[in-house]
N, C-alpha and C. Protein backbone atom coordinates (compact mmCIF):
# COMPACT_ATOMS: atom_id res chain seq x y z
N UNK A 1 0.82 -1.18 0.00
CA UNK A 1 0.00 0.00 0.00
C UNK A 1 0.87 1.25 0.00
N UNK A 2 0.35 2.32 -0.59
CA UNK A 2 1.05 3.59 -0.59
C UNK A 2 0.75 4.34 0.70
N UNK A 3 1.78 4.99 1.21
CA UNK A 3 1.64 5.81 2.40
C UNK A 3 1.39 7.24 1.95
N UNK A 4 0.35 7.87 2.48
CA UNK A 4 0.03 9.26 2.16
C UNK A 4 0.57 10.16 3.27
N UNK A 5 1.30 11.20 2.90
CA UNK A 5 1.85 12.14 3.86
C UNK A 5 1.08 13.45 3.79
N UNK A 6 0.67 13.95 4.95
CA UNK A 6 -0.11 15.19 5.02
C UNK A 6 0.55 16.16 5.98
N UNK A 7 0.56 17.42 5.61
CA UNK A 7 1.14 18.47 6.44
C UNK A 7 0.03 19.07 7.32
N UNK A 8 -0.49 18.25 8.22
CA UNK A 8 -1.58 18.67 9.09
C UNK A 8 -1.64 17.78 10.32
N UNK A 9 -2.25 18.31 11.37
CA UNK A 9 -2.42 17.53 12.59
C UNK A 9 -3.44 16.41 12.36
N UNK A 10 -3.18 15.23 12.90
CA UNK A 10 -4.19 14.17 12.83
C UNK A 10 -5.28 14.43 13.86
N UNK A 11 -6.36 13.71 13.76
CA UNK A 11 -7.40 13.79 14.79
C UNK A 11 -6.87 13.23 16.10
N UNK A 12 -7.43 13.69 17.20
CA UNK A 12 -6.94 13.28 18.51
C UNK A 12 -7.08 11.77 18.74
N UNK A 13 -8.17 11.17 18.29
CA UNK A 13 -8.37 9.72 18.48
C UNK A 13 -7.33 8.92 17.71
N UNK A 14 -7.06 9.30 16.46
CA UNK A 14 -6.03 8.60 15.67
C UNK A 14 -4.66 8.80 16.29
N UNK A 15 -4.39 10.02 16.75
CA UNK A 15 -3.12 10.30 17.42
C UNK A 15 -2.93 9.38 18.62
N UNK A 16 -3.97 9.27 19.46
CA UNK A 16 -3.86 8.45 20.66
C UNK A 16 -3.65 6.98 20.33
N UNK A 17 -4.28 6.47 19.28
CA UNK A 17 -4.07 5.08 18.86
C UNK A 17 -2.62 4.86 18.44
N UNK A 18 -2.05 5.81 17.71
CA UNK A 18 -0.65 5.70 17.29
C UNK A 18 0.27 5.71 18.51
N UNK A 19 0.07 6.66 19.41
CA UNK A 19 0.92 6.77 20.60
C UNK A 19 0.81 5.51 21.46
N UNK A 20 -0.39 4.99 21.62
CA UNK A 20 -0.57 3.76 22.41
C UNK A 20 0.18 2.58 21.79
N UNK A 21 0.12 2.44 20.47
CA UNK A 21 0.80 1.32 19.81
C UNK A 21 2.32 1.46 19.91
N UNK A 22 2.83 2.68 19.79
CA UNK A 22 4.28 2.90 19.90
C UNK A 22 4.73 2.71 21.34
N UNK A 23 3.99 3.27 22.30
CA UNK A 23 4.36 3.16 23.72
C UNK A 23 4.34 1.71 24.19
N UNK A 24 3.38 0.94 23.71
CA UNK A 24 3.28 -0.48 24.08
C UNK A 24 4.53 -1.23 23.62
N UNK A 25 5.00 -0.91 22.43
CA UNK A 25 6.17 -1.61 21.89
C UNK A 25 7.47 -1.15 22.52
N UNK A 26 7.63 0.17 22.74
CA UNK A 26 8.90 0.72 23.22
C UNK A 26 8.97 0.81 24.74
N UNK A 27 7.83 0.74 25.42
CA UNK A 27 7.82 0.89 26.86
C UNK A 27 7.97 2.34 27.30
N UNK A 28 7.75 3.27 26.38
CA UNK A 28 7.88 4.69 26.68
C UNK A 28 6.88 5.06 27.79
N UNK A 29 7.38 5.71 28.83
CA UNK A 29 6.53 6.01 29.98
C UNK A 29 5.82 7.35 29.89
N UNK A 30 6.45 8.31 29.22
CA UNK A 30 5.84 9.63 29.10
C UNK A 30 5.61 9.94 27.63
N UNK A 31 4.59 9.37 27.05
CA UNK A 31 4.36 9.60 25.62
C UNK A 31 3.95 11.04 25.35
N UNK A 32 4.12 11.44 24.12
CA UNK A 32 3.75 12.76 23.65
C UNK A 32 2.26 13.01 23.86
N UNK A 33 1.93 14.18 24.39
CA UNK A 33 0.53 14.56 24.60
C UNK A 33 0.01 15.31 23.37
N UNK A 34 -1.26 15.14 23.08
CA UNK A 34 -1.86 15.79 21.91
C UNK A 34 -1.75 17.31 22.01
N UNK A 35 -1.89 17.84 23.22
CA UNK A 35 -1.80 19.29 23.42
C UNK A 35 -0.42 19.80 23.04
N UNK A 36 0.62 19.04 23.36
CA UNK A 36 1.99 19.44 22.99
C UNK A 36 2.15 19.45 21.48
N UNK A 37 1.53 18.50 20.82
CA UNK A 37 1.58 18.44 19.36
C UNK A 37 0.90 19.66 18.75
N UNK A 38 -0.24 20.03 19.30
CA UNK A 38 -1.00 21.18 18.78
C UNK A 38 -0.26 22.49 18.99
N UNK A 39 0.51 22.59 20.07
CA UNK A 39 1.23 23.82 20.39
C UNK A 39 2.60 23.89 19.75
N UNK A 40 3.02 22.82 19.10
CA UNK A 40 4.37 22.74 18.56
C UNK A 40 4.51 23.29 17.15
N UNK A 41 5.61 22.91 16.52
CA UNK A 41 5.94 23.38 15.19
C UNK A 41 5.32 22.53 14.09
N UNK A 42 5.94 22.54 12.92
CA UNK A 42 5.42 21.81 11.76
C UNK A 42 5.26 20.31 12.03
N UNK A 43 4.22 19.72 11.45
CA UNK A 43 3.89 18.31 11.65
C UNK A 43 3.64 17.65 10.30
N UNK A 44 4.12 16.40 10.15
CA UNK A 44 3.79 15.57 9.00
C UNK A 44 3.13 14.30 9.53
N UNK A 45 1.94 14.01 9.04
CA UNK A 45 1.21 12.81 9.44
C UNK A 45 1.22 11.82 8.27
N UNK A 46 1.51 10.55 8.56
CA UNK A 46 1.55 9.50 7.54
C UNK A 46 0.36 8.56 7.73
N UNK A 47 -0.34 8.29 6.63
CA UNK A 47 -1.54 7.46 6.67
C UNK A 47 -1.43 6.30 5.69
N UNK A 48 -1.94 5.15 6.11
CA UNK A 48 -2.08 3.99 5.24
C UNK A 48 -3.58 3.68 5.18
N UNK A 49 -4.19 3.98 4.07
CA UNK A 49 -5.63 3.79 3.87
C UNK A 49 -6.45 4.42 5.00
N UNK A 50 -6.10 5.65 5.36
CA UNK A 50 -6.84 6.40 6.36
C UNK A 50 -6.44 6.14 7.80
N UNK A 51 -5.52 5.20 8.04
CA UNK A 51 -5.06 4.88 9.39
C UNK A 51 -3.73 5.60 9.63
N UNK A 52 -3.64 6.35 10.73
CA UNK A 52 -2.40 7.06 11.06
C UNK A 52 -1.32 6.05 11.43
N UNK A 53 -0.22 6.04 10.66
CA UNK A 53 0.86 5.07 10.90
C UNK A 53 2.17 5.75 11.29
N UNK A 54 2.22 7.07 11.19
CA UNK A 54 3.43 7.78 11.56
C UNK A 54 3.16 9.25 11.75
N UNK A 55 4.02 9.86 12.56
CA UNK A 55 3.89 11.27 12.85
C UNK A 55 5.29 11.83 13.07
N UNK A 56 5.61 12.89 12.36
CA UNK A 56 6.90 13.54 12.52
C UNK A 56 6.70 15.02 12.78
N UNK A 57 7.58 15.60 13.60
CA UNK A 57 7.45 17.03 13.89
C UNK A 57 8.80 17.62 14.22
N UNK A 58 8.88 18.92 14.09
CA UNK A 58 10.05 19.66 14.52
C UNK A 58 9.78 20.19 15.92
N UNK A 59 10.75 20.03 16.81
CA UNK A 59 10.64 20.58 18.16
C UNK A 59 11.81 21.53 18.37
N UNK A 60 11.57 22.59 19.12
CA UNK A 60 12.60 23.59 19.40
C UNK A 60 12.91 23.61 20.89
N UNK A 61 14.17 23.91 21.20
CA UNK A 61 14.53 24.07 22.61
C UNK A 61 14.54 25.56 22.94
N UNK A 62 15.00 25.89 24.13
CA UNK A 62 14.99 27.28 24.60
C UNK A 62 15.98 28.18 23.87
N UNK A 63 16.97 27.60 23.19
CA UNK A 63 17.97 28.43 22.50
C UNK A 63 17.78 28.43 20.99
N UNK A 64 16.63 27.97 20.53
CA UNK A 64 16.31 28.03 19.12
C UNK A 64 16.80 26.88 18.26
N UNK A 65 17.36 25.85 18.87
CA UNK A 65 17.78 24.67 18.12
C UNK A 65 16.55 23.81 17.82
N UNK A 66 16.50 23.26 16.61
CA UNK A 66 15.39 22.39 16.25
C UNK A 66 15.86 20.96 16.09
N UNK A 67 14.99 20.04 16.45
CA UNK A 67 15.27 18.61 16.28
C UNK A 67 14.02 17.95 15.72
N UNK A 68 14.22 16.81 15.07
CA UNK A 68 13.12 16.05 14.48
C UNK A 68 12.73 14.94 15.44
N UNK A 69 11.45 14.80 15.67
CA UNK A 69 10.92 13.74 16.53
C UNK A 69 9.85 13.01 15.74
N UNK A 70 9.86 11.68 15.80
CA UNK A 70 8.83 10.94 15.08
C UNK A 70 8.38 9.71 15.85
N UNK A 71 7.18 9.31 15.53
CA UNK A 71 6.57 8.08 16.07
C UNK A 71 6.09 7.29 14.86
N UNK A 72 6.49 6.03 14.79
CA UNK A 72 6.09 5.16 13.68
C UNK A 72 5.40 3.92 14.26
N UNK A 73 4.23 3.61 13.76
CA UNK A 73 3.46 2.45 14.24
C UNK A 73 4.25 1.16 13.98
N UNK A 74 4.26 0.23 14.95
CA UNK A 74 4.93 -1.05 14.73
C UNK A 74 4.43 -1.72 13.45
N UNK A 75 5.37 -2.28 12.70
CA UNK A 75 5.05 -2.91 11.43
C UNK A 75 5.32 -2.01 10.24
N UNK A 76 5.57 -0.74 10.49
CA UNK A 76 5.83 0.23 9.42
C UNK A 76 7.25 0.79 9.47
N UNK A 77 8.08 0.26 10.34
CA UNK A 77 9.42 0.81 10.56
C UNK A 77 10.30 0.79 9.32
N UNK A 78 10.18 -0.20 8.48
CA UNK A 78 11.09 -0.36 7.34
C UNK A 78 10.49 0.16 6.03
N UNK A 79 9.57 1.08 6.12
CA UNK A 79 8.91 1.61 4.92
C UNK A 79 9.41 3.01 4.55
N UNK A 80 10.49 3.46 5.17
CA UNK A 80 11.14 4.75 4.88
C UNK A 80 10.25 5.95 5.18
N UNK A 81 9.27 5.78 6.05
CA UNK A 81 8.38 6.88 6.40
C UNK A 81 9.17 8.00 7.06
N UNK A 82 10.07 7.64 7.98
CA UNK A 82 10.87 8.65 8.67
C UNK A 82 11.68 9.48 7.67
N UNK A 83 12.28 8.83 6.68
CA UNK A 83 13.11 9.54 5.69
C UNK A 83 12.27 10.53 4.89
N UNK A 84 11.07 10.14 4.49
CA UNK A 84 10.20 11.05 3.74
C UNK A 84 9.76 12.23 4.60
N UNK A 85 9.44 11.97 5.85
CA UNK A 85 9.06 13.06 6.76
C UNK A 85 10.22 14.03 6.94
N UNK A 86 11.40 13.47 7.12
CA UNK A 86 12.60 14.28 7.31
C UNK A 86 12.82 15.19 6.09
N UNK A 87 12.64 14.65 4.89
CA UNK A 87 12.79 15.45 3.67
C UNK A 87 11.77 16.58 3.62
N UNK A 88 10.53 16.26 3.94
CA UNK A 88 9.49 17.27 3.90
C UNK A 88 9.71 18.38 4.93
N UNK A 89 10.30 18.02 6.05
CA UNK A 89 10.59 19.01 7.08
C UNK A 89 12.01 19.55 6.97
N UNK A 90 12.78 19.05 5.99
CA UNK A 90 14.17 19.49 5.74
C UNK A 90 15.04 19.38 6.99
N UNK A 91 15.16 18.15 7.50
CA UNK A 91 15.93 17.89 8.71
C UNK A 91 17.06 16.92 8.39
N UNK A 92 18.23 17.17 8.96
CA UNK A 92 19.35 16.25 8.77
C UNK A 92 19.21 15.07 9.71
N UNK A 93 19.80 13.89 9.36
CA UNK A 93 19.67 12.69 10.20
C UNK A 93 20.24 12.84 11.60
N UNK A 94 21.17 13.76 11.82
CA UNK A 94 21.81 13.91 13.12
C UNK A 94 20.84 14.47 14.16
N UNK A 95 19.83 15.19 13.73
CA UNK A 95 18.93 15.87 14.65
C UNK A 95 17.70 15.04 15.00
N UNK A 96 17.75 13.74 14.83
CA UNK A 96 16.55 12.91 14.92
C UNK A 96 16.37 12.26 16.28
N UNK A 97 15.10 12.16 16.69
CA UNK A 97 14.69 11.39 17.87
C UNK A 97 13.46 10.60 17.46
N UNK A 98 13.67 9.40 16.94
CA UNK A 98 12.55 8.64 16.40
C UNK A 98 12.26 7.43 17.27
N UNK A 99 10.98 7.22 17.58
CA UNK A 99 10.53 6.04 18.32
C UNK A 99 9.70 5.19 17.38
N UNK A 100 10.20 4.00 17.11
CA UNK A 100 9.50 3.10 16.20
C UNK A 100 8.96 1.92 16.97
């Protein structure tokens, strides 16, 4: 299937399903909150037939440095979704924090 990339926030329910699936696999204790996503910078959402399978965003620190953060649904890790998101957000690989 083709992955569709959109430059927009996903719905909160789809976002929560993605975060739950990633947190379950990685054991992440403090997953990203939807409110933080809404208040943040640019976002790329990846969909497979309408299902949110990935989310990438730029985050900034207090001194203006930006880093790329992404969440990829288990089973989609090897589909180069992170690389496409990185290109769309123009981020170098060194600045990445990806949870797959």
